[in-house]
Amino acid sequence: MKIACFVVCLVAVTSAENIVELATKLGANTLVKLVTDAGLGNTLATGGPFTVFGPTDAAFAKLPKAVLERLMRDKTLLADVLKYHVVSGSVYSSQLTNELTAPSLLTDNGKAVDIRFNIYKNGQLITADGSPVVMPNQNASNGVIHVVDRVLFPIPLKNIPELVTMERGRFSTLLTAVEKANLATTLAGGPFTLFAPTNAAFAKVPADVLNKLLANVTALTDVLTYHVVSGTVWSASLTNGEMAKTVEGKTVTIDISGGGVKINDAKVEEADLAVTNGVIHVIDSVLLPPAFDIFGIY
């Protein structure tokens, strides 16, 4: 579901502080500093109404030092990242639905870059582009702040097949497999979660077996759809031992007991690559459906 604007559908008690003042009161000191440095302080203080997904100081501290330093040097990039945290209008958590997308203030070639919202665990967890909302509905005189525990980064305006194509340097075998199985159009729909094996993951499969798999469209489709889950499943929503049903029909098991994340026996090398129709998690091994005999492919 996608909407172009919001209408406030509940009555809320409005704070005397504007968004910048309220963010300061909430202890979002890094956010306030960066907003000021980017030249957005006056807009967020006097304009609006706006909805701001405001990262905590701890959220900014999670960023690699080089990333934060680059943001502080490049004011244009900094402003773009911060605009991606802002939606026009006052939007409360009760108005959000799972898989809802809303246009941020950031535009790419004149097109607004959307934020995707997901709701998990019977409403106990709300995410904005995968970042959990830890303190919702903080009312300001010119809008509302939802405090989040991760910094949101603008996504490329690419769907799953387009991103795999764009990053063919590490996904060229996956791209070939998707094309041979004629799944590109399907994977452009969704929303979907893709567990994407790298070229190195496919290289673990013996070359003769992989060639047979790529030549067998039925078997290849079974293997590829076993890497896909319907809906957007961000890493923040995962629980240890969770069973996720794949598009192929069988389940994968989530293991987060060892500090990292594993899907069956495949390690997640990079989580939460946001795309316009879901999310990609990069894995280091090819997933095989239960009872699938990869060596029996003809």
Protein backbone atom coordinates (compact mmCIF):
# COMPACT_ATOMS: atom_id res chain seq x y z
CA MET A 1 0.00 0.00 0.00
CA LYS A 2 1.33 3.44 -0.89
CA ILE A 3 0.05 6.85 -0.05
CA ALA A 4 1.03 10.32 -1.16
CA CYS A 5 -0.06 12.20 1.98
CA PHE A 6 -1.47 11.66 5.45
CA VAL A 7 -4.41 13.10 7.34
CA VAL A 8 -4.25 13.05 11.12
CA CYS A 9 -6.96 10.71 12.32
CA LEU A 10 -6.65 11.12 16.06
CA VAL A 11 -6.60 13.93 18.55
CA ALA A 12 -3.24 14.36 20.28
CA VAL A 13 -1.97 16.63 22.99
CA THR A 14 0.42 19.05 21.33
CA SER A 15 3.70 19.98 22.99
CA ALA A 16 4.77 23.60 23.33
CA GLU A 17 8.16 22.71 21.83
CA ASN A 18 8.78 22.65 18.11
CA ILE A 19 10.46 19.61 16.54
CA VAL A 20 14.02 20.82 17.10
CA GLU A 21 13.29 21.84 20.71
CA LEU A 22 11.52 18.55 21.40
CA ALA A 23 14.39 16.55 19.89
CA THR A 24 16.75 18.40 22.24
CA LYS A 25 14.45 17.67 25.18
CA LEU A 26 14.40 13.99 24.20
CA GLY A 27 18.20 13.88 24.28
CA ALA A 28 18.70 13.48 20.51
CA ASN A 29 21.74 15.74 20.64
CA THR A 30 23.58 14.32 17.63
CA LEU A 31 20.46 14.63 15.50
CA VAL A 32 19.97 18.25 16.49
CA LYS A 33 23.62 19.07 15.78
CA LEU A 34 23.52 17.43 12.36
CA VAL A 35 20.20 19.07 11.47
CA THR A 36 21.72 22.44 12.35
CA ASP A 37 24.94 21.71 10.44
CA ALA A 38 22.92 20.71 7.36
CA GLY A 39 20.98 23.98 7.42
CA LEU A 40 17.67 22.25 8.16
CA GLY A 41 17.18 23.54 11.71
CA ASN A 42 14.99 26.51 10.81
CA THR A 43 12.80 24.41 8.48
CA LEU A 44 12.14 21.77 11.13
CA ALA A 45 11.61 24.38 13.82
CA THR A 46 9.18 26.65 11.97
CA GLY A 47 7.79 24.65 9.05
CA GLY A 48 5.57 21.64 8.87
CA PRO A 49 3.77 19.88 10.17
CA PHE A 50 6.37 17.13 9.84
CA THR A 51 6.85 13.61 11.07
CA VAL A 52 10.46 12.93 12.00
CA PHE A 53 11.98 9.50 12.57
CA GLY A 54 14.68 10.68 14.94
CA PRO A 55 17.71 8.45 15.58
CA THR A 56 19.04 8.34 19.11
CA ASP A 57 22.61 9.36 19.92
CA ALA A 58 23.35 5.63 20.25
CA ALA A 59 22.03 5.07 16.73
CA PHE A 60 24.50 7.57 15.29
CA ALA A 61 27.25 6.04 17.43
CA LYS A 62 26.62 2.68 15.70
CA LEU A 63 27.70 4.15 12.37
CA PRO A 64 31.26 3.43 11.24
CA LYS A 65 33.46 6.37 12.12
CA ALA A 66 34.32 6.96 8.46
CA VAL A 67 30.62 7.17 7.53
CA LEU A 68 29.84 9.71 10.23
CA GLU A 69 32.91 11.77 9.32
CA ARG A 70 31.87 11.81 5.66
CA LEU A 71 28.38 12.97 6.58
CA MET A 72 29.85 15.79 8.64
CA ARG A 73 32.12 16.85 5.75
CA ASP A 74 29.55 16.56 2.96
CA LYS A 75 26.66 18.85 3.86
CA THR A 76 24.67 17.95 0.75
CA LEU A 77 24.87 14.23 1.55
CA LEU A 78 24.08 14.97 5.19
CA ALA A 79 20.98 16.97 4.23
CA ASP A 80 19.84 14.13 1.94
CA VAL A 81 20.18 11.54 4.69
CA LEU A 82 18.33 13.73 7.17
CA LYS A 83 15.51 14.52 4.71
CA TYR A 84 15.03 10.76 4.39
CA HIS A 85 13.99 10.78 8.06
CA VAL A 86 11.17 13.27 7.48
CA VAL A 87 7.62 12.87 6.11
CA SER A 88 5.21 15.75 5.48
CA GLY A 89 2.24 15.84 7.84
CA SER A 90 1.71 14.48 11.34
CA VAL A 91 1.70 10.69 11.23
CA TYR A 92 0.95 8.67 14.36
CA SER A 93 1.73 5.02 14.95
CA SER A 94 -1.97 4.14 14.91
CA GLN A 95 -2.09 5.25 11.27
CA LEU A 96 0.65 2.89 10.14
CA THR A 97 -0.08 -0.45 8.52
CA ASN A 98 2.25 -3.26 7.56
CA GLU A 99 4.06 -2.65 4.24
CA LEU A 100 2.81 0.94 4.05
CA THR A 101 5.18 3.23 2.15
CA ALA A 102 5.27 7.01 2.48
CA PRO A 103 7.28 9.64 0.59
CA SER A 104 10.09 11.25 2.53
CA LEU A 105 11.27 14.81 1.89
CA LEU A 106 14.20 13.38 -0.07
CA THR A 107 13.80 13.24 -3.84
CA ASP A 108 15.81 11.43 -6.50
CA ASN A 109 15.52 12.98 -9.96
CA GLY A 110 12.29 14.61 -8.87
CA LYS A 111 10.79 11.43 -7.41
CA ALA A 112 10.25 11.11 -3.66
CA VAL A 113 12.19 8.33 -1.96
CA ASP A 114 9.81 6.24 0.13
CA ILE A 115 10.11 4.97 3.68
CA ARG A 116 8.65 1.50 4.25
CA PHE A 117 6.84 0.69 7.49
CA ASN A 118 6.41 -2.79 8.90
CA ILE A 119 4.54 -4.05 11.93
CA TYR A 120 5.52 -7.26 13.70
CA LYS A 121 4.70 -9.22 16.85
CA ASN A 122 1.05 -8.17 17.03
CA GLY A 123 1.95 -4.50 16.89
CA GLN A 124 4.67 -4.62 19.53
CA LEU A 125 7.38 -3.81 16.97
CA ILE A 126 7.14 -1.08 14.34
CA THR A 127 10.02 -0.46 11.95
CA ALA A 128 10.79 2.38 9.55
CA ASP A 129 12.98 0.98 6.79
CA GLY A 130 14.04 -1.71 9.24
CA SER A 131 14.83 0.63 12.14
CA PRO A 132 12.74 -0.14 15.25
CA VAL A 133 10.66 2.67 16.68
CA VAL A 134 11.63 2.76 20.35
CA MET A 135 9.62 5.81 21.43
CA PRO A 136 6.59 6.64 19.27
CA ASN A 137 4.24 9.61 19.10
CA GLN A 138 6.28 12.38 20.74
CA ASN A 139 4.19 15.46 19.97
CA ALA A 140 5.70 18.77 18.94
CA SER A 141 3.97 22.05 18.13
CA ASN A 142 4.63 21.45 14.44
CA GLY A 143 4.47 17.71 14.11
CA VAL A 144 5.54 14.49 15.78
CA ILE A 145 8.77 12.61 16.45
CA HIS A 146 9.14 8.83 16.48
CA VAL A 147 12.47 7.93 18.08
CA VAL A 148 14.32 5.14 16.22
CA ASP A 149 17.43 3.20 17.17
CA ARG A 150 19.10 3.08 13.75
CA VAL A 151 19.99 5.73 11.19
CA LEU A 152 17.95 5.39 8.00
CA PHE A 153 19.89 5.59 4.74
CA PRO A 154 18.24 6.43 1.41
CA ILE A 155 17.61 3.36 -0.70
CA PRO A 156 18.42 3.22 -4.40
CA LEU A 157 15.24 3.42 -6.44
CA LYS A 158 15.73 -0.18 -7.52
CA ASN A 159 13.62 -3.30 -7.07
CA ILE A 160 15.16 -6.70 -6.27
CA PRO A 161 16.20 -7.72 -9.82
CA GLU A 162 17.45 -4.20 -10.56
CA LEU A 163 19.65 -4.13 -7.44
CA VAL A 164 21.02 -7.60 -8.16
CA THR A 165 21.83 -6.38 -11.68
CA MET A 166 23.40 -3.18 -10.36
CA GLU A 167 25.62 -5.22 -8.01
CA ARG A 168 26.45 -7.93 -10.53
CA GLY A 169 30.03 -7.84 -9.27
CA ARG A 170 29.00 -10.01 -6.35
CA PHE A 171 25.69 -11.38 -7.66
CA SER A 172 26.43 -12.29 -11.30
CA THR A 173 25.73 -16.01 -10.78
CA LEU A 174 22.49 -15.23 -8.97
CA LEU A 175 21.53 -12.89 -11.79
CA THR A 176 22.21 -15.62 -14.36
CA ALA A 177 20.13 -18.08 -12.35
CA VAL A 178 17.20 -15.65 -12.04
CA GLU A 179 17.29 -14.98 -15.78
CA LYS A 180 17.44 -18.71 -16.69
CA ALA A 181 14.48 -19.43 -14.40
CA ASN A 182 12.53 -16.47 -15.82
CA LEU A 183 11.94 -15.10 -12.32
CA ALA A 184 12.93 -11.47 -12.85
CA THR A 185 9.37 -10.29 -13.44
CA THR A 186 8.12 -12.19 -10.39
CA LEU A 187 10.87 -10.78 -8.18
CA ALA A 188 10.00 -7.27 -9.35
CA GLY A 189 6.62 -7.69 -7.62
CA GLY A 190 6.25 -8.43 -3.95
CA PRO A 191 7.02 -7.15 -1.46
CA PHE A 192 9.59 -9.90 -0.96
CA THR A 193 12.55 -10.76 1.22
CA LEU A 194 15.43 -12.28 -0.73
CA PHE A 195 18.26 -14.25 0.86
CA ALA A 196 20.83 -13.56 -1.85
CA PRO A 197 23.80 -15.91 -2.29
CA THR A 198 26.98 -14.24 -3.46
CA ASN A 199 29.17 -15.51 -6.28
CA ALA A 200 31.40 -17.06 -3.60
CA ALA A 201 28.36 -18.88 -2.21
CA PHE A 202 27.58 -20.39 -5.63
CA ALA A 203 31.28 -21.25 -6.03
CA LYS A 204 30.92 -23.69 -3.10
CA VAL A 205 28.67 -25.82 -5.32
CA PRO A 206 30.73 -28.17 -7.55
CA ALA A 207 30.96 -26.67 -11.03
CA ASP A 208 29.41 -29.65 -12.82
CA VAL A 209 26.50 -29.74 -10.37
CA LEU A 210 25.93 -25.99 -10.69
CA ASN A 211 25.93 -26.23 -14.47
CA LYS A 212 23.31 -29.01 -14.32
CA LEU A 213 21.22 -26.93 -11.92
CA LEU A 214 21.37 -23.89 -14.22
CA ALA A 215 20.25 -26.09 -17.10
CA ASN A 216 17.25 -27.53 -15.23
CA VAL A 217 14.63 -24.78 -15.01
CA THR A 218 12.30 -26.74 -12.71
CA ALA A 219 14.99 -27.56 -10.17
CA LEU A 220 16.51 -24.10 -10.47
CA THR A 221 13.14 -22.47 -9.80
CA ASP A 222 12.67 -24.63 -6.70
CA VAL A 223 16.08 -23.62 -5.37
CA LEU A 224 15.68 -19.91 -6.13
CA THR A 225 12.15 -19.60 -4.70
CA TYR A 226 13.46 -21.30 -1.54
CA HIS A 227 15.53 -18.12 -1.10
CA VAL A 228 12.44 -15.88 -1.16
CA VAL A 229 9.91 -15.06 1.57
CA SER A 230 6.73 -13.11 0.92
CA GLY A 231 6.66 -9.76 2.72
CA THR A 232 9.45 -7.59 4.08
CA VAL A 233 11.39 -9.28 6.87
CA TRP A 234 13.94 -6.91 8.41
CA SER A 235 16.65 -8.29 10.69
CA ALA A 236 15.17 -6.45 13.68
CA SER A 237 12.05 -8.61 13.45
CA LEU A 238 13.82 -11.97 13.62
CA THR A 239 13.69 -14.30 16.61
CA ASN A 240 15.91 -17.29 17.30
CA GLY A 241 14.43 -20.54 16.04
CA GLU A 242 11.83 -18.79 13.91
CA MET A 243 10.58 -20.75 10.90
CA ALA A 244 9.89 -18.62 7.83
CA LYS A 245 7.84 -20.05 4.98
CA THR A 246 9.41 -19.52 1.58
CA VAL A 247 7.74 -18.93 -1.77
CA GLU A 248 8.89 -22.45 -2.71
CA GLY A 249 6.59 -23.74 0.05
CA LYS A 250 9.03 -25.10 2.62
CA THR A 251 10.52 -23.24 5.57
CA VAL A 252 13.92 -21.87 6.47
CA THR A 253 15.13 -21.70 10.07
CA ILE A 254 16.47 -18.49 11.60
CA ASP A 255 19.38 -18.89 14.02
CA ILE A 256 20.60 -15.85 15.95
CA SER A 257 22.04 -17.74 18.90
CA GLY A 258 25.69 -17.34 17.92
CA GLY A 259 25.90 -13.57 17.75
CA GLY A 260 25.40 -13.43 14.00
CA VAL A 261 22.41 -14.49 11.92
CA LYS A 262 22.12 -17.75 10.00
CA ILE A 263 19.44 -18.86 7.57
CA ASN A 264 19.60 -22.64 7.88
CA ASP A 265 23.39 -23.09 7.66
CA ALA A 266 24.06 -19.95 5.59
CA LYS A 267 25.58 -16.97 7.37
CA VAL A 268 24.13 -13.53 6.72
CA GLU A 269 27.05 -11.42 5.52
CA GLU A 270 25.08 -8.21 5.07
CA ALA A 271 21.58 -7.57 6.33
CA ASP A 272 18.83 -5.13 5.41
CA LEU A 273 19.65 -4.00 1.89
CA ALA A 274 16.50 -2.00 1.28
CA VAL A 275 14.89 -2.06 -2.16
CA THR A 276 11.67 -0.54 -3.45
CA ASN A 277 9.82 -3.86 -3.14
CA GLY A 278 11.24 -5.33 0.04
CA VAL A 279 14.63 -6.19 1.43
CA ILE A 280 17.70 -8.30 0.58
CA HIS A 281 19.92 -10.17 3.03
CA VAL A 282 23.26 -11.32 1.58
CA ILE A 283 24.22 -14.90 2.50
CA ASP A 284 27.41 -16.94 2.11
CA SER A 285 25.90 -20.28 0.99
CA VAL A 286 23.21 -21.51 -1.38
CA LEU A 287 20.05 -22.69 0.40
CA LEU A 288 18.62 -26.05 -0.67
CA PRO A 289 15.03 -27.13 0.05
CA PRO A 290 14.72 -30.09 2.45
CA ALA A 291 15.17 -33.45 0.72
CA PHE A 292 16.45 -31.70 -2.41
CA ASP A 293 19.08 -33.93 -4.06
CA ILE A 294 21.41 -31.51 -5.76
CA PHE A 295 23.61 -34.36 -6.98
CA GLY A 296 20.60 -36.08 -8.58
CA ILE A 297 19.90 -33.26 -11.05
CA TYR A 298 19.75 -34.38 -14.67
